[in-house]
């Protein structure tokens, strides 16, 4: 159990049979009346956002989330197959379970952290940066500079990112998975 006074951004609670993550919180103590905590909660499974007010000190069940290291081994149709690195058990996940970033940047052999709740997959945490090869982009022209502009490039996973003009097809680049931004050559 967790008190509403202990809410922080990222805290996970169980409510209405699902897991909710605190996105924003504000502890309010009015001059008259009792204190309360105004929160913005995001459903981890569905993605919908809800605003809810709790009494200060109200006890709620905290979600018991388990993180385990898994490796993406192969893709079977529209299912991604991951292997638990401790038990060697395989788990299938759909594109929806991976999320938008997971589908864009995941490749075979990549290690990820999978968050489980009651033996069900909630979400997949990718590394903050990945190194991928550019499969298609416009050729660089002599005189293109690092500070000039950007152009679109398609990576080996099919994701499209903006890269500097001097980057050529076949180069390996580092991408920030949180912001979809170019970090540098590898």
C-alpha atoms as a PDB file:
ATOM      1  CA  UNK A   1       0.000   0.000   0.000  1.00  0.00           C
ATOM      2  CA  UNK A   2       1.142   3.526  -0.720  1.00  0.00           C
ATOM      3  CA  UNK A   3      -0.114   6.812   0.678  1.00  0.00           C
ATOM      4  CA  UNK A   4      -1.289   9.541  -1.678  1.00  0.00           C
ATOM      5  CA  UNK A   5       1.201  11.805   0.140  1.00  0.00           C
ATOM      6  CA  UNK A   6       4.034   9.639  -1.243  1.00  0.00           C
ATOM      7  CA  UNK A   7       3.021  10.020  -4.911  1.00  0.00           C
ATOM      8  CA  UNK A   8       5.877  10.970  -7.223  1.00  0.00           C
ATOM      9  CA  UNK A   9       6.068  11.138 -10.995  1.00  0.00           C
ATOM     10  CA  UNK A  10       6.385   7.545 -12.252  1.00  0.00           C
ATOM     11  CA  UNK A  11       4.756   5.897  -9.218  1.00  0.00           C
ATOM     12  CA  UNK A  12       2.533   2.960 -10.273  1.00  0.00           C
ATOM     13  CA  UNK A  13      -0.720   2.128  -8.479  1.00  0.00           C
ATOM     14  CA  UNK A  14      -3.460  -0.458  -8.967  1.00  0.00           C
ATOM     15  CA  UNK A  15      -6.926   0.952  -9.474  1.00  0.00           C
ATOM     16  CA  UNK A  16     -10.059  -0.514 -11.105  1.00  0.00           C
ATOM     17  CA  UNK A  17      -8.214  -3.733 -11.996  1.00  0.00           C
ATOM     18  CA  UNK A  18      -5.427  -2.120 -13.992  1.00  0.00           C
ATOM     19  CA  UNK A  19      -2.123  -0.334 -13.516  1.00  0.00           C
ATOM     20  CA  UNK A  20      -1.999   3.479 -13.515  1.00  0.00           C
ATOM     21  CA  UNK A  21       1.193   5.565 -13.533  1.00  0.00           C
ATOM     22  CA  UNK A  22       1.356   9.023 -11.945  1.00  0.00           C
ATOM     23  CA  UNK A  23       2.220  11.579 -14.648  1.00  0.00           C
ATOM     24  CA  UNK A  24       1.656  14.734 -12.572  1.00  0.00           C
ATOM     25  CA  UNK A  25       0.775  15.358  -8.940  1.00  0.00           C
ATOM     26  CA  UNK A  26       0.054  18.410  -6.815  1.00  0.00           C
ATOM     27  CA  UNK A  27      -0.357  18.386  -3.052  1.00  0.00           C
ATOM     28  CA  UNK A  28      -2.906  21.078  -2.149  1.00  0.00           C
ATOM     29  CA  UNK A  29      -3.538  22.365   1.353  1.00  0.00           C
ATOM     30  CA  UNK A  30      -6.367  24.898   1.235  1.00  0.00           C
ATOM     31  CA  UNK A  31      -6.811  27.425   4.022  1.00  0.00           C
ATOM     32  CA  UNK A  32     -10.135  25.893   4.957  1.00  0.00           C
ATOM     33  CA  UNK A  33     -10.844  22.170   4.808  1.00  0.00           C
ATOM     34  CA  UNK A  34      -8.593  19.153   4.539  1.00  0.00           C
ATOM     35  CA  UNK A  35      -5.601  18.681   2.230  1.00  0.00           C
ATOM     36  CA  UNK A  36      -5.853  16.692  -0.989  1.00  0.00           C
ATOM     37  CA  UNK A  37      -3.638  15.427  -3.814  1.00  0.00           C
ATOM     38  CA  UNK A  38      -4.625  16.277  -7.391  1.00  0.00           C
ATOM     39  CA  UNK A  39      -3.106  13.822  -9.894  1.00  0.00           C
ATOM     40  CA  UNK A  40      -2.971  13.062 -13.583  1.00  0.00           C
ATOM     41  CA  UNK A  41      -2.814   9.290 -14.106  1.00  0.00           C
ATOM     42  CA  UNK A  42      -1.994   7.315 -17.266  1.00  0.00           C
ATOM     43  CA  UNK A  43      -3.276   3.780 -17.803  1.00  0.00           C
ATOM     44  CA  UNK A  44      -0.216   1.672 -18.628  1.00  0.00           C
ATOM     45  CA  UNK A  45      -2.167  -0.918 -20.640  1.00  0.00           C
ATOM     46  CA  UNK A  46      -4.567   1.357 -22.518  1.00  0.00           C
ATOM     47  CA  UNK A  47      -2.693   4.637 -22.612  1.00  0.00           C
ATOM     48  CA  UNK A  48      -5.677   6.792 -21.647  1.00  0.00           C
ATOM     49  CA  UNK A  49      -5.117   9.678 -19.228  1.00  0.00           C
ATOM     50  CA  UNK A  50      -7.373  10.570 -16.303  1.00  0.00           C
ATOM     51  CA  UNK A  51      -7.346  13.301 -13.667  1.00  0.00           C
ATOM     52  CA  UNK A  52      -8.243  12.174 -10.160  1.00  0.00           C
ATOM     53  CA  UNK A  53      -8.215  13.794  -6.730  1.00  0.00           C
ATOM     54  CA  UNK A  54      -7.327  11.805  -3.598  1.00  0.00           C
ATOM     55  CA  UNK A  55      -7.618  12.758   0.056  1.00  0.00           C
ATOM     56  CA  UNK A  56      -4.228  13.454   1.637  1.00  0.00           C
ATOM     57  CA  UNK A  57      -2.977  10.268   3.282  1.00  0.00           C
ATOM     58  CA  UNK A  58      -5.418   7.986   1.418  1.00  0.00           C
ATOM     59  CA  UNK A  59      -3.942   4.487   1.096  1.00  0.00           C
ATOM     60  CA  UNK A  60      -3.932   2.808  -2.335  1.00  0.00           C
ATOM     61  CA  UNK A  61      -2.480  -0.516  -3.499  1.00  0.00           C
ATOM     62  CA  UNK A  62       0.897  -0.065  -5.168  1.00  0.00           C
ATOM     63  CA  UNK A  63       1.388  -2.096  -8.360  1.00  0.00           C
ATOM     64  CA  UNK A  64       3.969  -4.859  -8.011  1.00  0.00           C
ATOM     65  CA  UNK A  65       5.853  -4.536 -11.265  1.00  0.00           C
ATOM     66  CA  UNK A  66       8.606  -6.957 -12.188  1.00  0.00           C
ATOM     67  CA  UNK A  67      11.411  -6.064 -14.597  1.00  0.00           C
ATOM     68  CA  UNK A  68      13.211  -8.827 -16.426  1.00  0.00           C
ATOM     69  CA  UNK A  69      15.972  -8.787 -19.028  1.00  0.00           C
ATOM     70  CA  UNK A  70      14.938 -10.234 -22.375  1.00  0.00           C
ATOM     71  CA  UNK A  71      16.495 -10.445 -25.802  1.00  0.00           C
ATOM     72  CA  UNK A  72      14.649 -10.088 -29.096  1.00  0.00           C
ATOM     73  CA  UNK A  73      15.426 -13.314 -30.937  1.00  0.00           C
ATOM     74  CA  UNK A  74      13.270 -13.188 -34.088  1.00  0.00           C
ATOM     75  CA  UNK A  75      10.017 -11.961 -35.610  1.00  0.00           C
ATOM     76  CA  UNK A  76       7.268 -14.496 -36.342  1.00  0.00           C
ATOM     77  CA  UNK A  77       4.737 -12.862 -38.657  1.00  0.00           C
ATOM     78  CA  UNK A  78       3.435  -9.837 -36.747  1.00  0.00           C
ATOM     79  CA  UNK A  79       4.627 -11.234 -33.388  1.00  0.00           C
ATOM     80  CA  UNK A  80       7.989 -10.343 -31.835  1.00  0.00           C
ATOM     81  CA  UNK A  81       9.625 -13.234 -29.963  1.00  0.00           C
ATOM     82  CA  UNK A  82      11.688 -12.455 -26.852  1.00  0.00           C
ATOM     83  CA  UNK A  83      13.768 -14.837 -24.737  1.00  0.00           C
ATOM     84  CA  UNK A  84      14.136 -14.403 -20.983  1.00  0.00           C
ATOM     85  CA  UNK A  85      17.880 -14.307 -20.323  1.00  0.00           C
ATOM     86  CA  UNK A  86      17.563 -16.093 -16.953  1.00  0.00           C
ATOM     87  CA  UNK A  87      15.022 -18.852 -17.634  1.00  0.00           C
ATOM     88  CA  UNK A  88      15.419 -19.119 -21.449  1.00  0.00           C
ATOM     89  CA  UNK A  89      11.620 -19.061 -21.844  1.00  0.00           C
ATOM     90  CA  UNK A  90      10.211 -17.409 -24.958  1.00  0.00           C
ATOM     91  CA  UNK A  91       7.460 -14.764 -24.923  1.00  0.00           C
ATOM     92  CA  UNK A  92       5.518 -13.462 -27.913  1.00  0.00           C
ATOM     93  CA  UNK A  93       4.558  -9.781 -28.047  1.00  0.00           C
ATOM     94  CA  UNK A  94       2.472  -7.816 -30.495  1.00  0.00           C
ATOM     95  CA  UNK A  95       3.243  -4.389 -31.951  1.00  0.00           C
ATOM     96  CA  UNK A  96       0.779  -2.804 -29.481  1.00  0.00           C
ATOM     97  CA  UNK A  97       2.652  -4.259 -26.489  1.00  0.00           C
ATOM     98  CA  UNK A  98       5.967  -2.921 -27.803  1.00  0.00           C
ATOM     99  CA  UNK A  99       4.652   0.589 -28.276  1.00  0.00           C
ATOM    100  CA  UNK A 100       5.534   3.038 -31.007  1.00  0.00           C
ATOM    101  CA  UNK A 101       9.250   3.315 -30.238  1.00  0.00           C
ATOM    102  CA  UNK A 102       9.662  -0.452 -29.838  1.00  0.00           C
ATOM    103  CA  UNK A 103       8.393  -1.174 -33.324  1.00  0.00           C
ATOM    104  CA  UNK A 104      10.661   1.457 -34.832  1.00  0.00           C
ATOM    105  CA  UNK A 105      13.990   0.571 -33.250  1.00  0.00           C
ATOM    106  CA  UNK A 106      13.946  -3.061 -32.164  1.00  0.00           C
ATOM    107  CA  UNK A 107      16.189  -5.490 -34.060  1.00  0.00           C
ATOM    108  CA  UNK A 108      17.254  -9.094 -33.582  1.00  0.00           C
ATOM    109  CA  UNK A 109      19.721  -9.636 -30.770  1.00  0.00           C
ATOM    110  CA  UNK A 110      18.758  -6.429 -28.929  1.00  0.00           C
ATOM    111  CA  UNK A 111      18.556  -6.611 -25.127  1.00  0.00           C
ATOM    112  CA  UNK A 112      15.515  -4.903 -23.570  1.00  0.00           C
ATOM    113  CA  UNK A 113      13.812  -4.701 -20.191  1.00  0.00           C
ATOM    114  CA  UNK A 114      10.268  -6.068 -20.111  1.00  0.00           C
ATOM    115  CA  UNK A 115       7.914  -4.869 -17.371  1.00  0.00           C
ATOM    116  CA  UNK A 116       5.495  -7.530 -16.129  1.00  0.00           C
ATOM    117  CA  UNK A 117       2.435  -7.229 -13.889  1.00  0.00           C
ATOM    118  CA  UNK A 118       0.703 -10.445 -12.717  1.00  0.00           C
ATOM    119  CA  UNK A 119       2.719 -12.409 -15.308  1.00  0.00           C
ATOM    120  CA  UNK A 120       1.361 -10.170 -18.117  1.00  0.00           C
ATOM    121  CA  UNK A 121       3.572  -7.951 -20.256  1.00  0.00           C
ATOM    122  CA  UNK A 122       2.808  -4.261 -19.692  1.00  0.00           C
ATOM    123  CA  UNK A 123       5.525  -2.531 -21.665  1.00  0.00           C
ATOM    124  CA  UNK A 124       9.003  -2.839 -23.109  1.00  0.00           C
ATOM    125  CA  UNK A 125      11.832  -0.468 -22.145  1.00  0.00           C
ATOM    126  CA  UNK A 126      14.348   0.039 -24.932  1.00  0.00           C
ATOM    127  CA  UNK A 127      17.906   1.216 -24.312  1.00  0.00           C
ATOM    128  CA  UNK A 128      18.122   5.033 -24.391  1.00  0.00           C
ATOM    129  CA  UNK A 129      20.206   4.876 -27.567  1.00  0.00           C
ATOM    130  CA  UNK A 130      20.652   2.333 -30.349  1.00  0.00           C
ATOM    131  CA  UNK A 131      23.123   1.982 -33.203  1.00  0.00           C
ATOM    132  CA  UNK A 132      21.512   1.258 -36.564  1.00  0.00           C
ATOM    133  CA  UNK A 133      22.596   1.263 -40.203  1.00  0.00           C
ATOM    134  CA  UNK A 134      21.132   3.660 -42.763  1.00  0.00           C
ATOM    135  CA  UNK A 135      19.593   1.738 -45.663  1.00  0.00           C
ATOM    136  CA  UNK A 136      18.307   4.664 -47.690  1.00  0.00           C
ATOM    137  CA  UNK A 137      19.033   8.398 -47.838  1.00  0.00           C
ATOM    138  CA  UNK A 138      19.897  11.043 -50.401  1.00  0.00           C
ATOM    139  CA  UNK A 139      23.608  11.182 -51.204  1.00  0.00           C
ATOM    140  CA  UNK A 140      25.739  13.822 -49.522  1.00  0.00           C
ATOM    141  CA  UNK A 141      27.084  16.637 -51.667  1.00  0.00           C
ATOM    142  CA  UNK A 142      30.529  18.188 -51.303  1.00  0.00           C
ATOM    143  CA  UNK A 143      30.256  21.217 -49.059  1.00  0.00           C
ATOM    144  CA  UNK A 144      27.459  19.867 -46.819  1.00  0.00           C
ATOM    145  CA  UNK A 145      28.274  20.836 -43.265  1.00  0.00           C
ATOM    146  CA  UNK A 146      27.509  19.450 -39.833  1.00  0.00           C
ATOM    147  CA  UNK A 147      25.613  22.584 -38.821  1.00  0.00           C
ATOM    148  CA  UNK A 148      23.726  23.056 -42.082  1.00  0.00           C
ATOM    149  CA  UNK A 149      20.455  21.236 -42.411  1.00  0.00           C
ATOM    150  CA  UNK A 150      18.956  17.802 -42.128  1.00  0.00           C
ATOM    151  CA  UNK A 151      17.526  15.211 -44.472  1.00  0.00           C
ATOM    152  CA  UNK A 152      15.372  12.107 -43.929  1.00  0.00           C
ATOM    153  CA  UNK A 153      17.045   8.708 -43.653  1.00  0.00           C
ATOM    154  CA  UNK A 154      15.503   5.234 -43.432  1.00  0.00           C
ATOM    155  CA  UNK A 155      17.166   2.831 -40.967  1.00  0.00           C
ATOM    156  CA  UNK A 156      17.547  -0.950 -41.146  1.00  0.00           C
ATOM    157  CA  UNK A 157      14.457  -1.393 -38.938  1.00  0.00           C
ATOM    158  CA  UNK A 158      12.303   0.742 -41.253  1.00  0.00           C
ATOM    159  CA  UNK A 159      12.222   3.798 -38.991  1.00  0.00           C
ATOM    160  CA  UNK A 160      12.690   7.258 -40.520  1.00  0.00           C
ATOM    161  CA  UNK A 161      14.816   9.859 -38.729  1.00  0.00           C
ATOM    162  CA  UNK A 162      16.328  13.202 -39.639  1.00  0.00           C
ATOM    163  CA  UNK A 163      20.126  13.187 -40.058  1.00  0.00           C
ATOM    164  CA  UNK A 164      22.717  15.847 -41.034  1.00  0.00           C
ATOM    165  CA  UNK A 165      23.330  16.388 -44.765  1.00  0.00           C
ATOM    166  CA  UNK A 166      26.823  14.802 -44.736  1.00  0.00           C
ATOM    167  CA  UNK A 167      25.597  11.351 -43.574  1.00  0.00           C
ATOM    168  CA  UNK A 168      25.649   8.733 -46.363  1.00  0.00           C
ATOM    169  CA  UNK A 169      23.850   5.473 -47.016  1.00  0.00           C
ATOM    170  CA  UNK A 170      25.471   2.457 -45.314  1.00  0.00           C
ATOM    171  CA  UNK A 171      26.799   4.401 -42.318  1.00  0.00           C
ATOM    172  CA  UNK A 172      25.994   3.310 -38.768  1.00  0.00           C
ATOM    173  CA  UNK A 173      24.528   6.053 -36.585  1.00  0.00           C
ATOM    174  CA  UNK A 174      23.438   6.369 -32.959  1.00  0.00           C
ATOM    175  CA  UNK A 175      19.780   7.329 -32.353  1.00  0.00           C
ATOM    176  CA  UNK A 176      18.097   8.471 -29.111  1.00  0.00           C
ATOM    177  CA  UNK A 177      15.023   6.208 -28.780  1.00  0.00           C
ATOM    178  CA  UNK A 178      13.161   8.679 -26.528  1.00  0.00           C
ATOM    179  CA  UNK A 179      13.323  11.682 -28.876  1.00  0.00           C
ATOM    180  CA  UNK A 180      13.966  10.004 -32.278  1.00  0.00           C
ATOM    181  CA  UNK A 181      16.980  12.268 -32.708  1.00  0.00           C
ATOM    182  CA  UNK A 182      20.396  11.729 -34.297  1.00  0.00           C
ATOM    183  CA  UNK A 183      23.237  11.548 -31.742  1.00  0.00           C
ATOM    184  CA  UNK A 184      26.259  10.881 -33.944  1.00  0.00           C
ATOM    185  CA  UNK A 185      28.146   8.411 -36.096  1.00  0.00           C
ATOM    186  CA  UNK A 186      29.234   5.113 -34.677  1.00  0.00           C
END
